[in-house]
Amino acid sequence: NWGMGWFRQAPEKEREFVSAINRIGSYETYRDSV
């Protein structure tokens, strides 16, 4: 039932969005650099 996301955090930096996928896996989104 959940959307799932991946984030990352480098030392001394804020946590940033990487990617996310909807609950059935039919839609994805990514940050530009990946």
PDB file of all heavy atoms in Angstrom:
ATOM      1  N   ASN A   1       0.810  -1.222   0.000  1.00  0.00           N
ATOM      2  CA  ASN A   1       0.000   0.000   0.000  1.00  0.00           C
ATOM      3  C   ASN A   1       0.846   1.277   0.000  1.00  0.00           C
ATOM      4  O   ASN A   1       0.297   2.378  -0.116  1.00  0.00           O
ATOM      5  CB  ASN A   1      -0.906   0.049   1.232  1.00  0.00           C
ATOM      6  CG  ASN A   1      -2.094  -0.898   1.124  1.00  0.00           C
ATOM      7  OD1 ASN A   1      -2.365  -1.446   0.059  1.00  0.00           O
ATOM      8  ND2 ASN A   1      -2.786  -1.099   2.230  1.00  0.00           N
ATOM      9  N   TRP A   2       2.148   1.143   0.127  1.00  0.00           N
ATOM     10  CA  TRP A   2       3.017   2.303   0.329  1.00  0.00           C
ATOM     11  C   TRP A   2       3.820   2.683  -0.895  1.00  0.00           C
ATOM     12  O   TRP A   2       4.322   1.827  -1.621  1.00  0.00           O
ATOM     13  CB  TRP A   2       4.015   2.031   1.457  1.00  0.00           C
ATOM     14  CG  TRP A   2       3.428   1.528   2.716  1.00  0.00           C
ATOM     15  CD1 TRP A   2       2.147   1.716   3.179  1.00  0.00           C
ATOM     16  CD2 TRP A   2       4.095   0.727   3.689  1.00  0.00           C
ATOM     17  NE1 TRP A   2       1.989   1.084   4.375  1.00  0.00           N
ATOM     18  CE2 TRP A   2       3.173   0.483   4.723  1.00  0.00           C
ATOM     19  CE3 TRP A   2       5.386   0.219   3.794  1.00  0.00           C
ATOM     20  CZ2 TRP A   2       3.495  -0.267   5.841  1.00  0.00           C
ATOM     21  CZ3 TRP A   2       5.712  -0.532   4.902  1.00  0.00           C
ATOM     22  CH2 TRP A   2       4.774  -0.770   5.912  1.00  0.00           C
ATOM     23  N   GLY A   3       3.989   3.989  -1.079  1.00  0.00           N
ATOM     24  CA  GLY A   3       5.055   4.438  -1.947  1.00  0.00           C
ATOM     25  C   GLY A   3       6.371   4.259  -1.209  1.00  0.00           C
ATOM     26  O   GLY A   3       6.424   4.401   0.016  1.00  0.00           O
ATOM     27  N   MET A   4       7.433   3.930  -1.937  1.00  0.00           N
ATOM     28  CA  MET A   4       8.737   3.714  -1.314  1.00  0.00           C
ATOM     29  C   MET A   4       9.773   4.629  -1.951  1.00  0.00           C
ATOM     30  O   MET A   4       9.756   4.848  -3.168  1.00  0.00           O
ATOM     31  CB  MET A   4       9.173   2.261  -1.467  1.00  0.00           C
ATOM     32  CG  MET A   4       8.283   1.264  -0.751  1.00  0.00           C
ATOM     33  SD  MET A   4       8.271   1.493   1.038  1.00  0.00           S
ATOM     34  CE  MET A   4       9.993   1.182   1.448  1.00  0.00           C
ATOM     35  N   GLY A   5      10.655   5.142  -1.130  1.00  0.00           N
ATOM     36  CA  GLY A   5      11.679   6.028  -1.630  1.00  0.00           C
ATOM     37  C   GLY A   5      13.059   5.656  -1.125  1.00  0.00           C
ATOM     38  O   GLY A   5      13.196   4.950  -0.126  1.00  0.00           O
ATOM     39  N   TRP A   6      14.055   6.130  -1.862  1.00  0.00           N
ATOM     40  CA  TRP A   6      15.455   6.043  -1.437  1.00  0.00           C
ATOM     41  C   TRP A   6      15.992   7.469  -1.309  1.00  0.00           C
ATOM     42  O   TRP A   6      15.774   8.303  -2.206  1.00  0.00           O
ATOM     43  CB  TRP A   6      16.296   5.274  -2.447  1.00  0.00           C
ATOM     44  CG  TRP A   6      16.086   3.798  -2.438  1.00  0.00           C
ATOM     45  CD1 TRP A   6      15.275   3.077  -3.263  1.00  0.00           C
ATOM     46  CD2 TRP A   6      16.723   2.846  -1.562  1.00  0.00           C
ATOM     47  NE1 TRP A   6      15.356   1.744  -2.949  1.00  0.00           N
ATOM     48  CE2 TRP A   6      16.244   1.570  -1.914  1.00  0.00           C
ATOM     49  CE3 TRP A   6      17.648   2.950  -0.527  1.00  0.00           C
ATOM     50  CZ2 TRP A   6      16.647   0.411  -1.261  1.00  0.00           C
ATOM     51  CZ3 TRP A   6      18.046   1.800   0.126  1.00  0.00           C
ATOM     52  CH2 TRP A   6      17.550   0.554  -0.243  1.00  0.00           C
ATOM     53  N   PHE A   7      16.670   7.710  -0.217  1.00  0.00           N
ATOM     54  CA  PHE A   7      17.344   8.974   0.024  1.00  0.00           C
ATOM     55  C   PHE A   7      18.804   8.673   0.346  1.00  0.00           C
ATOM     56  O   PHE A   7      19.160   7.528   0.626  1.00  0.00           O
ATOM     57  CB  PHE A   7      16.698   9.713   1.210  1.00  0.00           C
ATOM     58  CG  PHE A   7      15.351  10.275   0.918  1.00  0.00           C
ATOM     59  CD1 PHE A   7      14.223   9.469   0.856  1.00  0.00           C
ATOM     60  CD2 PHE A   7      15.189  11.636   0.691  1.00  0.00           C
ATOM     61  CE1 PHE A   7      12.965   9.988   0.576  1.00  0.00           C
ATOM     62  CE2 PHE A   7      13.942  12.169   0.410  1.00  0.00           C
ATOM     63  CZ  PHE A   7      12.840  11.347   0.353  1.00  0.00           C
ATOM     64  N   ARG A   8      19.627   9.705   0.325  1.00  0.00           N
ATOM     65  CA  ARG A   8      21.025   9.540   0.719  1.00  0.00           C
ATOM     66  C   ARG A   8      21.507  10.778   1.456  1.00  0.00           C
ATOM     67  O   ARG A   8      20.974  11.877   1.262  1.00  0.00           O
ATOM     68  CB  ARG A   8      21.912   9.253  -0.485  1.00  0.00           C
ATOM     69  CG  ARG A   8      22.015  10.380  -1.482  1.00  0.00           C
ATOM     70  CD  ARG A   8      22.772   9.905  -2.726  1.00  0.00           C
ATOM     71  NE  ARG A   8      22.938  10.990  -3.697  1.00  0.00           N
ATOM     72  CZ  ARG A   8      23.440  10.810  -4.916  1.00  0.00           C
ATOM     73  NH1 ARG A   8      23.826   9.585  -5.315  1.00  0.00           N
ATOM     74  NH2 ARG A   8      23.568  11.838  -5.738  1.00  0.00           N
ATOM     75  N   GLN A   9      22.507  10.561   2.287  1.00  0.00           N
ATOM     76  CA  GLN A   9      23.076  11.658   3.047  1.00  0.00           C
ATOM     77  C   GLN A   9      24.573  11.496   3.132  1.00  0.00           C
ATOM     78  O   GLN A   9      25.069  10.512   3.684  1.00  0.00           O
ATOM     79  CB  GLN A   9      22.454  11.732   4.445  1.00  0.00           C
ATOM     80  CG  GLN A   9      22.839  12.968   5.218  1.00  0.00           C
ATOM     81  CD  GLN A   9      21.976  13.185   6.458  1.00  0.00           C
ATOM     82  OE1 GLN A   9      21.291  12.271   6.930  1.00  0.00           O
ATOM     83  NE2 GLN A   9      21.977  14.390   6.974  1.00  0.00           N
ATOM     84  N   ALA A  10      25.275  12.463   2.579  1.00  0.00           N
ATOM     85  CA  ALA A  10      26.727  12.498   2.654  1.00  0.00           C
ATOM     86  C   ALA A  10      27.130  13.280   3.899  1.00  0.00           C
ATOM     87  O   ALA A  10      26.328  14.068   4.430  1.00  0.00           O
ATOM     88  CB  ALA A  10      27.293  13.145   1.400  1.00  0.00           C
ATOM     89  N   PRO A  11      28.381  13.084   4.365  1.00  0.00           N
ATOM     90  CA  PRO A  11      28.823  13.811   5.561  1.00  0.00           C
ATOM     91  C   PRO A  11      28.657  15.314   5.413  1.00  0.00           C
ATOM     92  O   PRO A  11      28.993  15.889   4.372  1.00  0.00           O
ATOM     93  CB  PRO A  11      30.302  13.422   5.664  1.00  0.00           C
ATOM     94  CG  PRO A  11      30.379  12.090   5.007  1.00  0.00           C
ATOM     95  CD  PRO A  11      29.396  12.144   3.881  1.00  0.00           C
ATOM     96  N   GLU A  12      28.105  15.947   6.433  1.00  0.00           N
ATOM     97  CA  GLU A  12      27.911  17.389   6.501  1.00  0.00           C
ATOM     98  C   GLU A  12      26.990  17.929   5.416  1.00  0.00           C
ATOM     99  O   GLU A  12      27.014  19.136   5.111  1.00  0.00           O
ATOM    100  CB  GLU A  12      29.270  18.103   6.468  1.00  0.00           C
ATOM    101  CG  GLU A  12      30.184  17.704   7.616  1.00  0.00           C
ATOM    102  CD  GLU A  12      31.493  18.464   7.622  1.00  0.00           C
ATOM    103  OE1 GLU A  12      31.705  19.284   6.712  1.00  0.00           O
ATOM    104  OE2 GLU A  12      32.291  18.248   8.535  1.00  0.00           O
ATOM    105  N   LYS A  13      26.174  17.076   4.840  1.00  0.00           N
ATOM    106  CA  LYS A  13      25.192  17.511   3.852  1.00  0.00           C
ATOM    107  C   LYS A  13      23.797  17.087   4.287  1.00  0.00           C
ATOM    108  O   LYS A  13      23.631  16.172   5.089  1.00  0.00           O
ATOM    109  CB  LYS A  13      25.505  16.940   2.466  1.00  0.00           C
ATOM    110  CG  LYS A  13      26.772  17.496   1.848  1.00  0.00           C
ATOM    111  CD  LYS A  13      26.905  17.066   0.407  1.00  0.00           C
ATOM    112  CE  LYS A  13      28.119  17.706  -0.242  1.00  0.00           C
ATOM    113  NZ  LYS A  13      28.261  17.313  -1.673  1.00  0.00           N
ATOM    114  N   GLU A  14      22.798  17.752   3.721  1.00  0.00           N
ATOM    115  CA  GLU A  14      21.428  17.399   4.040  1.00  0.00           C
ATOM    116  C   GLU A  14      21.037  16.099   3.323  1.00  0.00           C
ATOM    117  O   GLU A  14      21.599  15.751   2.287  1.00  0.00           O
ATOM    118  CB  GLU A  14      20.487  18.531   3.623  1.00  0.00           C
ATOM    119  CG  GLU A  14      20.651  19.798   4.439  1.00  0.00           C
ATOM    120  CD  GLU A  14      19.584  20.832   4.118  1.00  0.00           C
ATOM    121  OE1 GLU A  14      18.801  20.604   3.186  1.00  0.00           O
ATOM    122  OE2 GLU A  14      19.540  21.857   4.811  1.00  0.00           O
ATOM    123  N   ARG A  15      20.052  15.423   3.891  1.00  0.00           N
ATOM    124  CA  ARG A  15      19.535  14.227   3.259  1.00  0.00           C
ATOM    125  C   ARG A  15      18.839  14.632   1.956  1.00  0.00           C
ATOM    126  O   ARG A  15      18.041  15.576   1.943  1.00  0.00           O
ATOM    127  CB  ARG A  15      18.556  13.521   4.204  1.00  0.00           C
ATOM    128  CG  ARG A  15      18.158  12.140   3.764  1.00  0.00           C
ATOM    129  CD  ARG A  15      17.451  11.390   4.876  1.00  0.00           C
ATOM    130  NE  ARG A  15      18.319  11.186   6.038  1.00  0.00           N
ATOM    131  CZ  ARG A  15      18.018  10.392   7.060  1.00  0.00           C
ATOM    132  NH1 ARG A  15      16.873   9.717   7.066  1.00  0.00           N
ATOM    133  NH2 ARG A  15      18.841  10.275   8.078  1.00  0.00           N
ATOM    134  N   GLU A  16      19.126  13.906   0.882  1.00  0.00           N
ATOM    135  CA  GLU A  16      18.566  14.256  -0.412  1.00  0.00           C
ATOM    136  C   GLU A  16      17.841  13.085  -1.056  1.00  0.00           C
ATOM    137  O   GLU A  16      18.204  11.921  -0.855  1.00  0.00           O
ATOM    138  CB  GLU A  16      19.645  14.782  -1.373  1.00  0.00           C
ATOM    139  CG  GLU A  16      20.701  13.779  -1.756  1.00  0.00           C
ATOM    140  CD  GLU A  16      21.771  14.362  -2.677  1.00  0.00           C
ATOM    141  OE1 GLU A  16      21.920  15.591  -2.728  1.00  0.00           O
ATOM    142  OE2 GLU A  16      22.437  13.564  -3.362  1.00  0.00           O
ATOM    143  N   PHE A  17      16.845  13.432  -1.824  1.00  0.00           N
ATOM    144  CA  PHE A  17      16.048  12.452  -2.547  1.00  0.00           C
ATOM    145  C   PHE A  17      16.872  11.787  -3.645  1.00  0.00           C
ATOM    146  O   PHE A  17      17.650  12.446  -4.344  1.00  0.00           O
ATOM    147  CB  PHE A  17      14.837  13.155  -3.164  1.00  0.00           C
ATOM    148  CG  PHE A  17      14.037  12.307  -4.101  1.00  0.00           C
ATOM    149  CD1 PHE A  17      13.138  11.370  -3.614  1.00  0.00           C
ATOM    150  CD2 PHE A  17      14.179  12.441  -5.472  1.00  0.00           C
ATOM    151  CE1 PHE A  17      12.391  10.594  -4.473  1.00  0.00           C
ATOM    152  CE2 PHE A  17      13.430  11.674  -6.344  1.00  0.00           C
ATOM    153  CZ  PHE A  17      12.538  10.743  -5.845  1.00  0.00           C
ATOM    154  N   VAL A  18      16.690  10.485  -3.799  1.00  0.00           N
ATOM    155  CA  VAL A  18      17.340   9.748  -4.880  1.00  0.00           C
ATOM    156  C   VAL A  18      16.305   9.214  -5.869  1.00  0.00           C
ATOM    157  O   VAL A  18      16.380   9.466  -7.072  1.00  0.00           O
ATOM    158  CB  VAL A  18      18.186   8.578  -4.333  1.00  0.00           C
ATOM    159  CG1 VAL A  18      18.780   7.768  -5.480  1.00  0.00           C
ATOM    160  CG2 VAL A  18      19.273   9.101  -3.412  1.00  0.00           C
ATOM    161  N   SER A  19      15.321   8.481  -5.354  1.00  0.00           N
ATOM    162  CA  SER A  19      14.345   7.846  -6.236  1.00  0.00           C
ATOM    163  C   SER A  19      13.134   7.420  -5.430  1.00  0.00           C
ATOM    164  O   SER A  19      13.206   7.264  -4.205  1.00  0.00           O
ATOM    165  CB  SER A  19      14.973   6.619  -6.911  1.00  0.00           C
ATOM    166  OG  SER A  19      14.062   5.997  -7.791  1.00  0.00           O
ATOM    167  N   ALA A  20      12.014   7.244  -6.127  1.00  0.00           N
ATOM    168  CA  ALA A  20      10.806   6.740  -5.474  1.00  0.00           C
ATOM    169  C   ALA A  20       9.997   5.926  -6.475  1.00  0.00           C
ATOM    170  O   ALA A  20      10.122   6.106  -7.697  1.00  0.00           O
ATOM    171  CB  ALA A  20       9.958   7.883  -4.908  1.00  0.00           C
ATOM    172  N   ILE A  21       9.169   5.048  -5.943  1.00  0.00           N
ATOM    173  CA  ILE A  21       8.338   4.174  -6.776  1.00  0.00           C
ATOM    174  C   ILE A  21       6.964   4.061  -6.144  1.00  0.00           C
ATOM    175  O   ILE A  21       6.833   4.072  -4.906  1.00  0.00           O
ATOM    176  CB  ILE A  21       9.017   2.788  -6.925  1.00  0.00           C
ATOM    177  CG1 ILE A  21       8.300   1.924  -7.950  1.00  0.00           C
ATOM    178  CG2 ILE A  21       9.114   2.076  -5.584  1.00  0.00           C
ATOM    179  CD1 ILE A  21       9.103   0.669  -8.332  1.00  0.00           C
ATOM    180  N   ASN A  22       5.937   3.983  -6.982  1.00  0.00           N
ATOM    181  CA  ASN A  22       4.588   3.900  -6.418  1.00  0.00           C
ATOM    182  C   ASN A  22       4.301   2.480  -5.919  1.00  0.00           C
ATOM    183  O   ASN A  22       5.103   1.568  -6.083  1.00  0.00           O
ATOM    184  CB  ASN A  22       3.539   4.395  -7.405  1.00  0.00           C
ATOM    185  CG  ASN A  22       3.338   3.479  -8.601  1.00  0.00           C
ATOM    186  OD1 ASN A  22       4.014   2.470  -8.739  1.00  0.00           O
ATOM    187  ND2 ASN A  22       2.409   3.847  -9.465  1.00  0.00           N
ATOM    188  N   ARG A  23       3.145   2.317  -5.312  1.00  0.00           N
ATOM    189  CA  ARG A  23       2.880   1.080  -4.580  1.00  0.00           C
ATOM    190  C   ARG A  23       2.788  -0.148  -5.472  1.00  0.00           C
ATOM    191  O   ARG A  23       3.010  -1.269  -5.010  1.00  0.00           O
ATOM    192  CB  ARG A  23       1.594   1.208  -3.763  1.00  0.00           C
ATOM    193  CG  ARG A  23       0.330   1.511  -4.543  1.00  0.00           C
ATOM    194  CD  ARG A  23      -0.845   1.729  -3.596  1.00  0.00           C
ATOM    195  NE  ARG A  23      -2.076   2.026  -4.314  1.00  0.00           N
ATOM    196  CZ  ARG A  23      -2.453   3.232  -4.668  1.00  0.00           C
ATOM    197  NH1 ARG A  23      -1.704   4.262  -4.371  1.00  0.00           N
ATOM    198  NH2 ARG A  23      -3.595   3.420  -5.300  1.00  0.00           N
ATOM    199  N   ILE A  24       2.464   0.034  -6.761  1.00  0.00           N
ATOM    200  CA  ILE A  24       2.348  -1.126  -7.642  1.00  0.00           C
ATOM    201  C   ILE A  24       3.526  -1.234  -8.601  1.00  0.00           C
ATOM    202  O   ILE A  24       3.565  -2.126  -9.439  1.00  0.00           O
ATOM    203  CB  ILE A  24       1.018  -1.115  -8.426  1.00  0.00           C
ATOM    204  CG1 ILE A  24       0.896   0.147  -9.279  1.00  0.00           C
ATOM    205  CG2 ILE A  24      -0.155  -1.253  -7.471  1.00  0.00           C
ATOM    206  CD1 ILE A  24      -0.317   0.149 -10.186  1.00  0.00           C
ATOM    207  N   GLY A  25       4.484  -0.312  -8.480  1.00  0.00           N
ATOM    208  CA  GLY A  25       5.676  -0.384  -9.310  1.00  0.00           C
ATOM    209  C   GLY A  25       5.495   0.093 -10.727  1.00  0.00           C
ATOM    210  O   GLY A  25       6.318  -0.216 -11.595  1.00  0.00           O
ATOM    211  N   SER A  26       4.436   0.865 -10.987  1.00  0.00           N
ATOM    212  CA  SER A  26       4.160   1.313 -12.355  1.00  0.00           C
ATOM    213  C   SER A  26       4.685   2.719 -12.633  1.00  0.00           C
ATOM    214  O   SER A  26       4.635   3.168 -13.786  1.00  0.00           O
ATOM    215  CB  SER A  26       2.647   1.281 -12.614  1.00  0.00           C
ATOM    216  OG  SER A  26       1.975   2.190 -11.755  1.00  0.00           O
ATOM    217  N   TYR A  27       5.163   3.406 -11.621  1.00  0.00           N
ATOM    218  CA  TYR A  27       5.651   4.775 -11.812  1.00  0.00           C
ATOM    219  C   TYR A  27       6.866   5.000 -10.927  1.00  0.00           C
ATOM    220  O   TYR A  27       6.876   4.617  -9.755  1.00  0.00           O
ATOM    221  CB  TYR A  27       4.550   5.782 -11.466  1.00  0.00           C
ATOM    222  CG  TYR A  27       4.973   7.215 -11.637  1.00  0.00           C
ATOM    223  CD1 TYR A  27       5.095   7.792 -12.895  1.00  0.00           C
ATOM    224  CD2 TYR A  27       5.280   8.005 -10.525  1.00  0.00           C
ATOM    225  CE1 TYR A  27       5.500   9.108 -13.045  1.00  0.00           C
ATOM    226  CE2 TYR A  27       5.680   9.311 -10.669  1.00  0.00           C
ATOM    227  CZ  TYR A  27       5.782   9.867 -11.930  1.00  0.00           C
ATOM    228  OH  TYR A  27       6.174  11.154 -12.078  1.00  0.00           O
ATOM    229  N   GLU A  28       7.895   5.619 -11.505  1.00  0.00           N
ATOM    230  CA  GLU A  28       9.140   5.872 -10.795  1.00  0.00           C
ATOM    231  C   GLU A  28       9.574   7.312 -11.048  1.00  0.00           C
ATOM    232  O   GLU A  28       9.218   7.909 -12.072  1.00  0.00           O
ATOM    233  CB  GLU A  28      10.244   4.940 -11.315  1.00  0.00           C
ATOM    234  CG  GLU A  28       9.886   3.479 -11.332  1.00  0.00           C
ATOM    235  CD  GLU A  28      10.686   2.727 -12.385  1.00  0.00           C
ATOM    236  OE1 GLU A  28      11.763   3.213 -12.781  1.00  0.00           O
ATOM    237  OE2 GLU A  28      10.223   1.651 -12.801  1.00  0.00           O
ATOM    238  N   THR A  29      10.351   7.827 -10.126  1.00  0.00           N
ATOM    239  CA  THR A  29      10.929   9.142 -10.324  1.00  0.00           C
ATOM    240  C   THR A  29      12.340   9.146  -9.742  1.00  0.00           C
ATOM    241  O   THR A  29      12.616   8.396  -8.798  1.00  0.00           O
ATOM    242  CB  THR A  29      10.041  10.234  -9.690  1.00  0.00           C
ATOM    243  OG1 THR A  29      10.568  11.515 -10.000  1.00  0.00           O
ATOM    244  CG2 THR A  29       9.927  10.077  -8.187  1.00  0.00           C
ATOM    245  N   TYR A  30      13.217   9.982 -10.328  1.00  0.00           N
ATOM    246  CA  TYR A  30      14.623  10.008  -9.944  1.00  0.00           C
ATOM    247  C   TYR A  30      15.125  11.446  -9.851  1.00  0.00           C
ATOM    248  O   TYR A  30      14.640  12.333 -10.563  1.00  0.00           O
ATOM    249  CB  TYR A  30      15.486   9.278 -10.979  1.00  0.00           C
ATOM    250  CG  TYR A  30      15.126   7.828 -11.182  1.00  0.00           C
ATOM    251  CD1 TYR A  30      14.168   7.451 -12.124  1.00  0.00           C
ATOM    252  CD2 TYR A  30      15.743   6.834 -10.437  1.00  0.00           C
ATOM    253  CE1 TYR A  30      13.844   6.113 -12.303  1.00  0.00           C
ATOM    254  CE2 TYR A  30      15.422   5.493 -10.613  1.00  0.00           C
ATOM    255  CZ  TYR A  30      14.469   5.146 -11.546  1.00  0.00           C
ATOM    256  OH  TYR A  30      14.139   3.820 -11.733  1.00  0.00           O
ATOM    257  N   ARG A  31      16.148  11.656  -9.050  1.00  0.00           N
ATOM    258  CA  ARG A  31      16.841  12.940  -9.120  1.00  0.00           C
ATOM    259  C   ARG A  31      17.651  12.937 -10.409  1.00  0.00           C
ATOM    260  O   ARG A  31      18.069  11.891 -10.910  1.00  0.00           O
ATOM    261  CB  ARG A  31      17.721  13.163  -7.893  1.00  0.00           C
ATOM    262  CG  ARG A  31      18.948  12.310  -7.806  1.00  0.00           C
ATOM    263  CD  ARG A  31      19.791  12.662  -6.562  1.00  0.00           C
ATOM    264  NE  ARG A  31      20.277  14.010  -6.569  1.00  0.00           N
ATOM    265  CZ  ARG A  31      19.807  14.992  -5.810  1.00  0.00           C
ATOM    266  NH1 ARG A  31      18.816  14.745  -4.968  1.00  0.00           N
ATOM    267  NH2 ARG A  31      20.319  16.199  -5.853  1.00  0.00           N
ATOM    268  N   ASP A  32      17.903  14.118 -10.921  1.00  0.00           N
ATOM    269  CA  ASP A  32      18.526  14.231 -12.238  1.00  0.00           C
ATOM    270  C   ASP A  32      19.899  13.561 -12.294  1.00  0.00           C
ATOM    271  O   ASP A  32      20.255  12.943 -13.301  1.00  0.00           O
ATOM    272  CB  ASP A  32      18.659  15.705 -12.628  1.00  0.00           C
ATOM    273  CG  ASP A  32      17.330  16.322 -13.012  1.00  0.00           C
ATOM    274  OD1 ASP A  32      16.355  15.582 -13.232  1.00  0.00           O
ATOM    275  OD2 ASP A  32      17.266  17.571 -13.095  1.00  0.00           O
ATOM    276  N   SER A  33      20.677  13.675 -11.225  1.00  0.00           N
ATOM    277  CA  SER A  33      22.062  13.197 -11.273  1.00  0.00           C
ATOM    278  C   SER A  33      22.180  11.672 -11.319  1.00  0.00           C
ATOM    279  O   SER A  33      23.268  11.157 -11.582  1.00  0.00           O
ATOM    280  CB  SER A  33      22.845  13.734 -10.074  1.00  0.00           C
ATOM    281  OG  SER A  33      22.299  13.258  -8.858  1.00  0.00           O
ATOM    282  N   VAL A  34      21.100  10.943 -11.077  1.00  0.00           N
ATOM    283  CA  VAL A  34      21.168   9.482 -11.124  1.00  0.00           C
ATOM    284  C   VAL A  34      20.352   8.887 -12.261  1.00  0.00           C
ATOM    285  O   VAL A  34      20.384   7.676 -12.478  1.00  0.00           O
ATOM    286  CB  VAL A  34      20.719   8.842  -9.783  1.00  0.00           C
ATOM    287  CG1 VAL A  34      21.488   9.447  -8.606  1.00  0.00           C
ATOM    288  CG2 VAL A  34      19.213   8.954  -9.579  1.00  0.00           C
TER     289      VAL A  34
END
